[in-house]
Amino acid sequence: MAWVLLLAAGLLEIAWAFTMKLSQGFTRGGPTAVTVLAMLASFALLSISMKTLPLGTAYTVWTGIGAVGALVVGVVILGEPLTIGRVLAAALIVAGPSLMKLSTSA
């Protein structure tokens, strides 16, 4: 169950990163409110998952989901460039948390 909560927390991290961009420096009310709510929910789920998962594993997986997810949202929705360097960086980001998860018995 902790892994499901951690996945949800990571997806919420993607949501708050995207809505933070849409908030235009917290000058737009709707996206700002969604950003804050998604942040709070993401942190709450991360915290609950850390009751059973090791800190390093949970935090690494959470940030990995958020980083790669934000890259995908940037490319697919915002039209940001997808270069070989960015793909390689994303692959390395996925490799770290994947290895961390595989080496955790919780």
PDB file of N, CA and C in Angstrom:
ATOM      1  N   MET A   1       0.819  -1.196   0.000  1.00  0.00           N
ATOM      2  CA  MET A   1       0.000   0.000   0.000  1.00  0.00           C
ATOM      3  C   MET A   1       0.866   1.265   0.000  1.00  0.00           C
ATOM      4  N   ALA A   2       2.017   1.198   0.673  1.00  0.00           N
ATOM      5  CA  ALA A   2       2.905   2.361   0.731  1.00  0.00           C
ATOM      6  C   ALA A   2       3.376   2.762  -0.655  1.00  0.00           C
ATOM      7  N   TRP A   3       3.618   1.777  -1.525  1.00  0.00           N
ATOM      8  CA  TRP A   3       4.078   2.086  -2.875  1.00  0.00           C
ATOM      9  C   TRP A   3       2.977   2.763  -3.694  1.00  0.00           C
ATOM     10  N   VAL A   4       1.734   2.367  -3.478  1.00  0.00           N
ATOM     11  CA  VAL A   4       0.610   3.000  -4.178  1.00  0.00           C
ATOM     12  C   VAL A   4       0.486   4.457  -3.728  1.00  0.00           C
ATOM     13  N   LEU A   5       0.598   4.684  -2.427  1.00  0.00           N
ATOM     14  CA  LEU A   5       0.538   6.053  -1.902  1.00  0.00           C
ATOM     15  C   LEU A   5       1.696   6.890  -2.426  1.00  0.00           C
ATOM     16  N   LEU A   6       2.855   6.274  -2.512  1.00  0.00           N
ATOM     17  CA  LEU A   6       4.023   6.986  -3.028  1.00  0.00           C
ATOM     18  C   LEU A   6       3.838   7.340  -4.504  1.00  0.00           C
ATOM     19  N   LEU A   7       3.283   6.435  -5.276  1.00  0.00           N
ATOM     20  CA  LEU A   7       2.993   6.723  -6.680  1.00  0.00           C
ATOM     21  C   LEU A   7       2.011   7.896  -6.784  1.00  0.00           C
ATOM     22  N   ALA A   8       0.966   7.870  -5.979  1.00  0.00           N
ATOM     23  CA  ALA A   8      -0.010   8.966  -5.996  1.00  0.00           C
ATOM     24  C   ALA A   8       0.653  10.283  -5.602  1.00  0.00           C
ATOM     25  N   ALA A   9       1.529  10.235  -4.607  1.00  0.00           N
ATOM     26  CA  ALA A   9       2.251  11.437  -4.186  1.00  0.00           C
ATOM     27  C   ALA A   9       3.109  11.974  -5.327  1.00  0.00           C
ATOM     28  N   GLY A  10       3.756  11.085  -6.061  1.00  0.00           N
ATOM     29  CA  GLY A  10       4.576  11.496  -7.206  1.00  0.00           C
ATOM     30  C   GLY A  10       3.745  12.106  -8.320  1.00  0.00           C
ATOM     31  N   LEU A  11       2.577  11.529  -8.576  1.00  0.00           N
ATOM     32  CA  LEU A  11       1.692  12.087  -9.604  1.00  0.00           C
ATOM     33  C   LEU A  11       1.191  13.464  -9.193  1.00  0.00           C
ATOM     34  N   LEU A  12       0.921  13.637  -7.912  1.00  0.00           N
ATOM     35  CA  LEU A  12       0.517  14.961  -7.427  1.00  0.00           C
ATOM     36  C   LEU A  12       1.669  15.955  -7.527  1.00  0.00           C
ATOM     37  N   GLU A  13       2.890  15.467  -7.388  1.00  0.00           N
ATOM     38  CA  GLU A  13       4.040  16.363  -7.557  1.00  0.00           C
ATOM     39  C   GLU A  13       4.095  16.890  -8.999  1.00  0.00           C
ATOM     40  N   ILE A  14       3.801  16.027  -9.947  1.00  0.00           N
ATOM     41  CA  ILE A  14       3.742  16.464 -11.342  1.00  0.00           C
ATOM     42  C   ILE A  14       2.651  17.521 -11.506  1.00  0.00           C
ATOM     43  N   ALA A  15       1.505  17.266 -10.901  1.00  0.00           N
ATOM     44  CA  ALA A  15       0.377  18.199 -11.008  1.00  0.00           C
ATOM     45  C   ALA A  15       0.736  19.562 -10.438  1.00  0.00           C
ATOM     46  N   TRP A  16       1.381  19.578  -9.254  1.00  0.00           N
ATOM     47  CA  TRP A  16       1.679  20.897  -8.680  1.00  0.00           C
ATOM     48  C   TRP A  16       2.787  21.617  -9.441  1.00  0.00           C
ATOM     49  N   ALA A  17       3.709  20.873 -10.016  1.00  0.00           N
ATOM     50  CA  ALA A  17       4.740  21.534 -10.828  1.00  0.00           C
ATOM     51  C   ALA A  17       4.106  22.181 -12.057  1.00  0.00           C
ATOM     52  N   PHE A  18       3.186  21.476 -12.696  1.00  0.00           N
ATOM     53  CA  PHE A  18       2.516  21.997 -13.880  1.00  0.00           C
ATOM     54  C   PHE A  18       1.643  23.204 -13.536  1.00  0.00           C
ATOM     55  N   THR A  19       0.857  23.080 -12.473  1.00  0.00           N
ATOM     56  CA  THR A  19      -0.016  24.205 -12.121  1.00  0.00           C
ATOM     57  C   THR A  19       0.774  25.391 -11.580  1.00  0.00           C
ATOM     58  N   MET A  20       1.951  25.134 -11.017  1.00  0.00           N
ATOM     59  CA  MET A  20       2.809  26.250 -10.604  1.00  0.00           C
ATOM     60  C   MET A  20       3.240  27.042 -11.837  1.00  0.00           C
ATOM     61  N   LYS A  21       3.575  26.334 -12.898  1.00  0.00           N
ATOM     62  CA  LYS A  21       3.921  27.003 -14.160  1.00  0.00           C
ATOM     63  C   LYS A  21       2.731  27.827 -14.658  1.00  0.00           C
ATOM     64  N   LEU A  22       1.541  27.231 -14.591  1.00  0.00           N
ATOM     65  CA  LEU A  22       0.340  27.920 -15.051  1.00  0.00           C
ATOM     66  C   LEU A  22      -0.028  29.117 -14.175  1.00  0.00           C
ATOM     67  N   SER A  23       0.433  29.113 -12.925  1.00  0.00           N
ATOM     68  CA  SER A  23       0.090  30.204 -12.007  1.00  0.00           C
ATOM     69  C   SER A  23       0.817  31.506 -12.345  1.00  0.00           C
ATOM     70  N   GLN A  24       1.825  31.418 -13.210  1.00  0.00           N
ATOM     71  CA  GLN A  24       2.607  32.584 -13.635  1.00  0.00           C
ATOM     72  C   GLN A  24       3.147  33.354 -12.426  1.00  0.00           C
ATOM     73  N   GLY A  25       3.917  32.637 -11.618  1.00  0.00           N
ATOM     74  CA  GLY A  25       4.527  33.263 -10.440  1.00  0.00           C
ATOM     75  C   GLY A  25       3.516  33.549  -9.340  1.00  0.00           C
ATOM     76  N   PHE A  26       2.526  32.696  -9.224  1.00  0.00           N
ATOM     77  CA  PHE A  26       1.456  32.813  -8.221  1.00  0.00           C
ATOM     78  C   PHE A  26       0.635  34.088  -8.397  1.00  0.00           C
ATOM     79  N   THR A  27       0.494  34.533  -9.644  1.00  0.00           N
ATOM     80  CA  THR A  27      -0.319  35.720  -9.925  1.00  0.00           C
ATOM     81  C   THR A  27      -1.715  35.356 -10.418  1.00  0.00           C
ATOM     82  N   ARG A  28      -1.954  34.079 -10.694  1.00  0.00           N
ATOM     83  CA  ARG A  28      -3.279  33.622 -11.134  1.00  0.00           C
ATOM     84  C   ARG A  28      -3.873  32.744 -10.042  1.00  0.00           C
ATOM     85  N   GLY A  29      -5.044  33.131  -9.562  1.00  0.00           N
ATOM     86  CA  GLY A  29      -5.648  32.500  -8.392  1.00  0.00           C
ATOM     87  C   GLY A  29      -5.954  31.023  -8.522  1.00  0.00           C
ATOM     88  N   GLY A  30      -6.609  30.624  -9.613  1.00  0.00           N
ATOM     89  CA  GLY A  30      -6.996  29.219  -9.772  1.00  0.00           C
ATOM     90  C   GLY A  30      -5.812  28.267  -9.769  1.00  0.00           C
ATOM     91  N   PRO A  31      -4.858  28.478 -10.674  1.00  0.00           N
ATOM     92  CA  PRO A  31      -3.698  27.588 -10.676  1.00  0.00           C
ATOM     93  C   PRO A  31      -2.889  27.643  -9.374  1.00  0.00           C
ATOM     94  N   THR A  32      -2.857  28.803  -8.734  1.00  0.00           N
ATOM     95  CA  THR A  32      -2.151  28.905  -7.452  1.00  0.00           C
ATOM     96  C   THR A  32      -2.823  28.038  -6.398  1.00  0.00           C
ATOM     97  N   ALA A  33      -4.146  28.085  -6.335  1.00  0.00           N
ATOM     98  CA  ALA A  33      -4.886  27.273  -5.359  1.00  0.00           C
ATOM     99  C   ALA A  33      -4.675  25.780  -5.619  1.00  0.00           C
ATOM    100  N   VAL A  34      -4.721  25.373  -6.890  1.00  0.00           N
ATOM    101  CA  VAL A  34      -4.500  23.971  -7.227  1.00  0.00           C
ATOM    102  C   VAL A  34      -3.074  23.564  -6.863  1.00  0.00           C
ATOM    103  N   THR A  35      -2.112  24.437  -7.097  1.00  0.00           N
ATOM    104  CA  THR A  35      -0.719  24.153  -6.746  1.00  0.00           C
ATOM    105  C   THR A  35      -0.590  23.873  -5.258  1.00  0.00           C
ATOM    106  N   VAL A  36      -1.135  24.743  -4.440  1.00  0.00           N
ATOM    107  CA  VAL A  36      -1.012  24.591  -2.987  1.00  0.00           C
ATOM    108  C   VAL A  36      -1.708  23.316  -2.518  1.00  0.00           C
ATOM    109  N   LEU A  37      -2.912  23.052  -3.006  1.00  0.00           N
ATOM    110  CA  LEU A  37      -3.636  21.841  -2.602  1.00  0.00           C
ATOM    111  C   LEU A  37      -2.908  20.573  -3.044  1.00  0.00           C
ATOM    112  N   ALA A  38      -2.396  20.578  -4.267  1.00  0.00           N
ATOM    113  CA  ALA A  38      -1.660  19.407  -4.760  1.00  0.00           C
ATOM    114  C   ALA A  38      -0.371  19.202  -3.980  1.00  0.00           C
ATOM    115  N   MET A  39       0.298  20.299  -3.616  1.00  0.00           N
ATOM    116  CA  MET A  39       1.513  20.190  -2.798  1.00  0.00           C
ATOM    117  C   MET A  39       1.202  19.559  -1.445  1.00  0.00           C
ATOM    118  N   LEU A  40       0.179  20.071  -0.793  1.00  0.00           N
ATOM    119  CA  LEU A  40      -0.187  19.545   0.523  1.00  0.00           C
ATOM    120  C   LEU A  40      -0.557  18.071   0.450  1.00  0.00           C
ATOM    121  N   ALA A  41      -1.336  17.701  -0.549  1.00  0.00           N
ATOM    122  CA  ALA A  41      -1.728  16.304  -0.703  1.00  0.00           C
ATOM    123  C   ALA A  41      -0.521  15.430  -1.023  1.00  0.00           C
ATOM    124  N   SER A  42       0.366  15.916  -1.871  1.00  0.00           N
ATOM    125  CA  SER A  42       1.564  15.161  -2.229  1.00  0.00           C
ATOM    126  C   SER A  42       2.448  14.921  -1.008  1.00  0.00           C
ATOM    127  N   PHE A  43       2.675  15.986  -0.238  1.00  0.00           N
ATOM    128  CA  PHE A  43       3.495  15.845   0.972  1.00  0.00           C
ATOM    129  C   PHE A  43       2.841  14.906   1.974  1.00  0.00           C
ATOM    130  N   ALA A  44       1.525  14.986   2.111  1.00  0.00           N
ATOM    131  CA  ALA A  44       0.816  14.118   3.050  1.00  0.00           C
ATOM    132  C   ALA A  44       0.968  12.654   2.659  1.00  0.00           C
ATOM    133  N   LEU A  45       0.768  12.354   1.382  1.00  0.00           N
ATOM    134  CA  LEU A  45       0.910  10.969   0.930  1.00  0.00           C
ATOM    135  C   LEU A  45       2.346  10.485   1.039  1.00  0.00           C
ATOM    136  N   LEU A  46       3.299  11.350   0.739  1.00  0.00           N
ATOM    137  CA  LEU A  46       4.708  10.992   0.915  1.00  0.00           C
ATOM    138  C   LEU A  46       4.981  10.669   2.375  1.00  0.00           C
ATOM    139  N   SER A  47       4.470  11.485   3.258  1.00  0.00           N
ATOM    140  CA  SER A  47       4.682  11.278   4.685  1.00  0.00           C
ATOM    141  C   SER A  47       4.098   9.947   5.155  1.00  0.00           C
ATOM    142  N   ILE A  48       2.909   9.634   4.692  1.00  0.00           N
ATOM    143  CA  ILE A  48       2.276   8.361   5.078  1.00  0.00           C
ATOM    144  C   ILE A  48       3.084   7.188   4.538  1.00  0.00           C
ATOM    145  N   SER A  49       3.558   7.286   3.308  1.00  0.00           N
ATOM    146  CA  SER A  49       4.339   6.186   2.735  1.00  0.00           C
ATOM    147  C   SER A  49       5.648   5.988   3.490  1.00  0.00           C
ATOM    148  N   MET A  50       6.176   7.067   4.067  1.00  0.00           N
ATOM    149  CA  MET A  50       7.435   6.969   4.813  1.00  0.00           C
ATOM    150  C   MET A  50       7.280   6.262   6.160  1.00  0.00           C
ATOM    151  N   LYS A  51       6.058   5.985   6.553  1.00  0.00           N
ATOM    152  CA  LYS A  51       5.874   5.209   7.785  1.00  0.00           C
ATOM    153  C   LYS A  51       6.418   3.797   7.625  1.00  0.00           C
ATOM    154  N   THR A  52       6.391   3.277   6.393  1.00  0.00           N
ATOM    155  CA  THR A  52       6.884   1.912   6.173  1.00  0.00           C
ATOM    156  C   THR A  52       8.057   1.835   5.199  1.00  0.00           C
ATOM    157  N   LEU A  53       8.223   2.829   4.354  1.00  0.00           N
ATOM    158  CA  LEU A  53       9.343   2.812   3.404  1.00  0.00           C
ATOM    159  C   LEU A  53      10.512   3.609   3.965  1.00  0.00           C
ATOM    160  N   PRO A  54      11.726   3.203   3.650  1.00  0.00           N
ATOM    161  CA  PRO A  54      12.893   3.975   4.087  1.00  0.00           C
ATOM    162  C   PRO A  54      12.876   5.386   3.489  1.00  0.00           C
ATOM    163  N   LEU A  55      13.357   6.334   4.242  1.00  0.00           N
ATOM    164  CA  LEU A  55      13.401   7.737   3.813  1.00  0.00           C
ATOM    165  C   LEU A  55      14.059   7.888   2.453  1.00  0.00           C
ATOM    166  N   GLY A  56      15.254   7.361   2.300  1.00  0.00           N
ATOM    167  CA  GLY A  56      16.000   7.527   1.049  1.00  0.00           C
ATOM    168  C   GLY A  56      15.268   6.955  -0.144  1.00  0.00           C
ATOM    169  N   THR A  57      14.655   5.807   0.042  1.00  0.00           N
ATOM    170  CA  THR A  57      13.912   5.176  -1.047  1.00  0.00           C
ATOM    171  C   THR A  57      12.678   5.988  -1.406  1.00  0.00           C
ATOM    172  N   ALA A  58      11.885   6.318  -0.410  1.00  0.00           N
ATOM    173  CA  ALA A  58      10.638   7.051  -0.659  1.00  0.00           C
ATOM    174  C   ALA A  58      10.920   8.397  -1.313  1.00  0.00           C
ATOM    175  N   TYR A  59      11.854   9.135  -0.764  1.00  0.00           N
ATOM    176  CA  TYR A  59      12.130  10.468  -1.294  1.00  0.00           C
ATOM    177  C   TYR A  59      12.707  10.407  -2.700  1.00  0.00           C
ATOM    178  N   THR A  60      13.587   9.455  -2.949  1.00  0.00           N
ATOM    179  CA  THR A  60      14.201   9.317  -4.269  1.00  0.00           C
ATOM    180  C   THR A  60      13.161   8.940  -5.322  1.00  0.00           C
ATOM    181  N   VAL A  61      12.295   8.008  -5.000  1.00  0.00           N
ATOM    182  CA  VAL A  61      11.255   7.597  -5.936  1.00  0.00           C
ATOM    183  C   VAL A  61      10.289   8.757  -6.186  1.00  0.00           C
ATOM    184  N   TRP A  62       9.893   9.454  -5.124  1.00  0.00           N
ATOM    185  CA  TRP A  62       8.966  10.582  -5.232  1.00  0.00           C
ATOM    186  C   TRP A  62       9.526  11.672  -6.145  1.00  0.00           C
ATOM    187  N   THR A  63      10.774  12.054  -5.910  1.00  0.00           N
ATOM    188  CA  THR A  63      11.364  13.102  -6.743  1.00  0.00           C
ATOM    189  C   THR A  63      11.599  12.623  -8.173  1.00  0.00           C
ATOM    190  N   GLY A  64      11.906  11.342  -8.336  1.00  0.00           N
ATOM    191  CA  GLY A  64      12.091  10.793  -9.686  1.00  0.00           C
ATOM    192  C   GLY A  64      10.806  10.837 -10.496  1.00  0.00           C
ATOM    193  N   ILE A  65       9.699  10.430  -9.871  1.00  0.00           N
ATOM    194  CA  ILE A  65       8.401  10.494 -10.549  1.00  0.00           C
ATOM    195  C   ILE A  65       8.104  11.937 -10.938  1.00  0.00           C
ATOM    196  N   GLY A  66       8.312  12.842 -10.009  1.00  0.00           N
ATOM    197  CA  GLY A  66       8.027  14.252 -10.272  1.00  0.00           C
ATOM    198  C   GLY A  66       8.905  14.832 -11.364  1.00  0.00           C
ATOM    199  N   ALA A  67      10.186  14.522 -11.334  1.00  0.00           N
ATOM    200  CA  ALA A  67      11.116  15.095 -12.316  1.00  0.00           C
ATOM    201  C   ALA A  67      10.831  14.587 -13.725  1.00  0.00           C
ATOM    202  N   VAL A  68      10.684  13.287 -13.865  1.00  0.00           N
ATOM    203  CA  VAL A  68      10.436  12.736 -15.197  1.00  0.00           C
ATOM    204  C   VAL A  68       9.030  13.114 -15.670  1.00  0.00           C
ATOM    205  N   GLY A  69       8.078  13.092 -14.757  1.00  0.00           N
ATOM    206  CA  GLY A  69       6.720  13.483 -15.124  1.00  0.00           C
ATOM    207  C   GLY A  69       6.643  14.930 -15.567  1.00  0.00           C
ATOM    208  N   ALA A  70       7.350  15.804 -14.874  1.00  0.00           N
ATOM    209  CA  ALA A  70       7.363  17.218 -15.262  1.00  0.00           C
ATOM    210  C   ALA A  70       8.018  17.389 -16.634  1.00  0.00           C
ATOM    211  N   LEU A  71       9.045  16.615 -16.909  1.00  0.00           N
ATOM    212  CA  LEU A  71       9.667  16.653 -18.236  1.00  0.00           C
ATOM    213  C   LEU A  71       8.660  16.251 -19.307  1.00  0.00           C
ATOM    214  N   VAL A  72       7.945  15.159 -19.067  1.00  0.00           N
ATOM    215  CA  VAL A  72       6.957  14.677 -20.039  1.00  0.00           C
ATOM    216  C   VAL A  72       5.856  15.719 -20.251  1.00  0.00           C
ATOM    217  N   VAL A  73       5.341  16.295 -19.165  1.00  0.00           N
ATOM    218  CA  VAL A  73       4.303  17.325 -19.277  1.00  0.00           C
ATOM    219  C   VAL A  73       4.849  18.526 -20.053  1.00  0.00           C
ATOM    220  N   GLY A  74       6.074  18.913 -19.753  1.00  0.00           N
ATOM    221  CA  GLY A  74       6.675  20.035 -20.463  1.00  0.00           C
ATOM    222  C   GLY A  74       6.773  19.795 -21.954  1.00  0.00           C
ATOM    223  N   VAL A  75       7.169  18.598 -22.326  1.00  0.00           N
ATOM    224  CA  VAL A  75       7.327  18.269 -23.745  1.00  0.00           C
ATOM    225  C   VAL A  75       5.965  18.103 -24.420  1.00  0.00           C
ATOM    226  N   VAL A  76       5.084  17.319 -23.809  1.00  0.00           N
ATOM    227  CA  VAL A  76       3.815  16.975 -24.450  1.00  0.00           C
ATOM    228  C   VAL A  76       2.815  18.128 -24.429  1.00  0.00           C
ATOM    229  N   ILE A  77       2.696  18.805 -23.303  1.00  0.00           N
ATOM    230  CA  ILE A  77       1.659  19.831 -23.160  1.00  0.00           C
ATOM    231  C   ILE A  77       2.183  21.238 -23.448  1.00  0.00           C
ATOM    232  N   LEU A  78       3.390  21.528 -22.992  1.00  0.00           N
ATOM    233  CA  LEU A  78       3.912  22.886 -23.130  1.00  0.00           C
ATOM    234  C   LEU A  78       4.801  23.082 -24.355  1.00  0.00           C
ATOM    235  N   GLY A  79       5.068  22.015 -25.085  1.00  0.00           N
ATOM    236  CA  GLY A  79       5.847  22.134 -26.310  1.00  0.00           C
ATOM    237  C   GLY A  79       7.328  22.381 -26.100  1.00  0.00           C
ATOM    238  N   GLU A  80       7.848  21.999 -24.936  1.00  0.00           N
ATOM    239  CA  GLU A  80       9.280  22.165 -24.681  1.00  0.00           C
ATOM    240  C   GLU A  80      10.068  21.182 -25.543  1.00  0.00           C
ATOM    241  N   PRO A  81      11.321  21.507 -25.850  1.00  0.00           N
ATOM    242  CA  PRO A  81      12.106  20.622 -26.728  1.00  0.00           C
ATOM    243  C   PRO A  81      12.494  19.309 -26.042  1.00  0.00           C
ATOM    244  N   LEU A  82      12.518  18.246 -26.831  1.00  0.00           N
ATOM    245  CA  LEU A  82      12.983  16.949 -26.348  1.00  0.00           C
ATOM    246  C   LEU A  82      14.281  16.641 -27.080  1.00  0.00           C
ATOM    247  N   THR A  83      15.375  16.743 -26.356  1.00  0.00           N
ATOM    248  CA  THR A  83      16.696  16.514 -26.944  1.00  0.00           C
ATOM    249  C   THR A  83      17.269  15.203 -26.441  1.00  0.00           C
ATOM    250  N   ILE A  84      18.307  14.750 -27.083  1.00  0.00           N
ATOM    251  CA  ILE A  84      18.987  13.523 -26.652  1.00  0.00           C
ATOM    252  C   ILE A  84      19.479  13.677 -25.210  1.00  0.00           C
ATOM    253  N   GLY A  85      20.012  14.832 -24.892  1.00  0.00           N
ATOM    254  CA  GLY A  85      20.507  15.071 -23.534  1.00  0.00           C
ATOM    255  C   GLY A  85      19.404  14.979 -22.491  1.00  0.00           C
ATOM    256  N   ARG A  86      18.233  15.514 -22.798  1.00  0.00           N
ATOM    257  CA  ARG A  86      17.116  15.455 -21.847  1.00  0.00           C
ATOM    258  C   ARG A  86      16.606  14.022 -21.703  1.00  0.00           C
ATOM    259  N   VAL A  87      16.575  13.269 -22.798  1.00  0.00           N
ATOM    260  CA  VAL A  87      16.153  11.866 -22.733  1.00  0.00           C
ATOM    261  C   VAL A  87      17.142  11.065 -21.888  1.00  0.00           C
ATOM    262  N   LEU A  88      18.428  11.294 -22.101  1.00  0.00           N
ATOM    263  CA  LEU A  88      19.452  10.600 -21.318  1.00  0.00           C
ATOM    264  C   LEU A  88      19.339  10.959 -19.837  1.00  0.00           C
ATOM    265  N   ALA A  89      19.130  12.225 -19.538  1.00  0.00           N
ATOM    266  CA  ALA A  89      18.976  12.657 -18.159  1.00  0.00           C
ATOM    267  C   ALA A  89      17.756  11.985 -17.520  1.00  0.00           C
ATOM    268  N   ALA A  90      16.648  11.920 -18.249  1.00  0.00           N
ATOM    269  CA  ALA A  90      15.442  11.273 -17.728  1.00  0.00           C
ATOM    270  C   ALA A  90      15.688   9.787 -17.486  1.00  0.00           C
ATOM    271  N   ALA A  91      16.426   9.143 -18.387  1.00  0.00           N
ATOM    272  CA  ALA A  91      16.735   7.719 -18.211  1.00  0.00           C
ATOM    273  C   ALA A  91      17.562   7.492 -16.948  1.00  0.00           C
ATOM    274  N   LEU A  92      18.505   8.374 -16.695  1.00  0.00           N
ATOM    275  CA  LEU A  92      19.303   8.256 -15.477  1.00  0.00           C
ATOM    276  C   LEU A  92      18.455   8.504 -14.229  1.00  0.00           C
ATOM    277  N   ILE A  93      17.525   9.448 -14.328  1.00  0.00           N
ATOM    278  CA  ILE A  93      16.644   9.717 -13.195  1.00  0.00           C
ATOM    279  C   ILE A  93      15.772   8.499 -12.902  1.00  0.00           C
ATOM    280  N   VAL A  94      15.278   7.829 -13.930  1.00  0.00           N
ATOM    281  CA  VAL A  94      14.454   6.633 -13.738  1.00  0.00           C
ATOM    282  C   VAL A  94      15.299   5.479 -13.194  1.00  0.00           C
ATOM    283  N   ALA A  95      16.540   5.370 -13.637  1.00  0.00           N
ATOM    284  CA  ALA A  95      17.400   4.264 -13.199  1.00  0.00           C
ATOM    285  C   ALA A  95      17.664   4.308 -11.696  1.00  0.00           C
ATOM    286  N   GLY A  96      17.903   5.485 -11.154  1.00  0.00           N
ATOM    287  CA  GLY A  96      18.207   5.588  -9.724  1.00  0.00           C
ATOM    288  C   GLY A  96      17.083   5.119  -8.832  1.00  0.00           C
ATOM    289  N   PRO A  97      15.889   5.697  -8.934  1.00  0.00           N
ATOM    290  CA  PRO A  97      14.782   5.235  -8.091  1.00  0.00           C
ATOM    291  C   PRO A  97      14.395   3.778  -8.357  1.00  0.00           C
ATOM    292  N   SER A  98      14.533   3.326  -9.604  1.00  0.00           N
ATOM    293  CA  SER A  98      14.210   1.930  -9.909  1.00  0.00           C
ATOM    294  C   SER A  98      15.140   0.995  -9.149  1.00  0.00           C
ATOM    295  N   LEU A  99      16.426   1.300  -9.167  1.00  0.00           N
ATOM    296  CA  LEU A  99      17.378   0.491  -8.423  1.00  0.00           C
ATOM    297  C   LEU A  99      17.116   0.584  -6.926  1.00  0.00           C
ATOM    298  N   MET A 100      16.755   1.782  -6.450  1.00  0.00           N
ATOM    299  CA  MET A 100      16.437   1.983  -5.034  1.00  0.00           C
ATOM    300  C   MET A 100      15.241   1.117  -4.645  1.00  0.00           C
ATOM    301  N   LYS A 101      14.195   1.087  -5.477  1.00  0.00           N
ATOM    302  CA  LYS A 101      13.011   0.291  -5.174  1.00  0.00           C
ATOM    303  C   LYS A 101      13.349  -1.198  -5.177  1.00  0.00           C
ATOM    304  N   LEU A 102      14.119  -1.626  -6.153  1.00  0.00           N
ATOM    305  CA  LEU A 102      14.485  -3.039  -6.244  1.00  0.00           C
ATOM    306  C   LEU A 102      15.321  -3.503  -5.046  1.00  0.00           C
ATOM    307  N   SER A 103      16.047  -2.589  -4.440  1.00  0.00           N
ATOM    308  CA  SER A 103      16.911  -2.962  -3.316  1.00  0.00           C
ATOM    309  C   SER A 103      16.237  -2.735  -1.958  1.00  0.00           C
ATOM    310  N   THR A 104      14.932  -2.421  -1.964  1.00  0.00           N
ATOM    311  CA  THR A 104      14.189  -2.195  -0.718  1.00  0.00           C
ATOM    312  C   THR A 104      13.216  -3.324  -0.511  1.00  0.00           C
ATOM    313  N   SER A 105      13.220  -3.885   0.672  1.00  0.00           N
ATOM    314  CA  SER A 105      12.360  -5.036   0.952  1.00  0.00           C
ATOM    315  C   SER A 105      10.990  -4.664   1.490  1.00  0.00           C
ATOM    316  N   ALA A 106      10.731  -3.385   1.806  1.00  0.00           N
ATOM    317  CA  ALA A 106       9.438  -2.993   2.408  1.00  0.00           C
ATOM    318  C   ALA A 106       8.310  -3.098   1.420  1.00  0.00           C
TER     319      ALA A 106
END
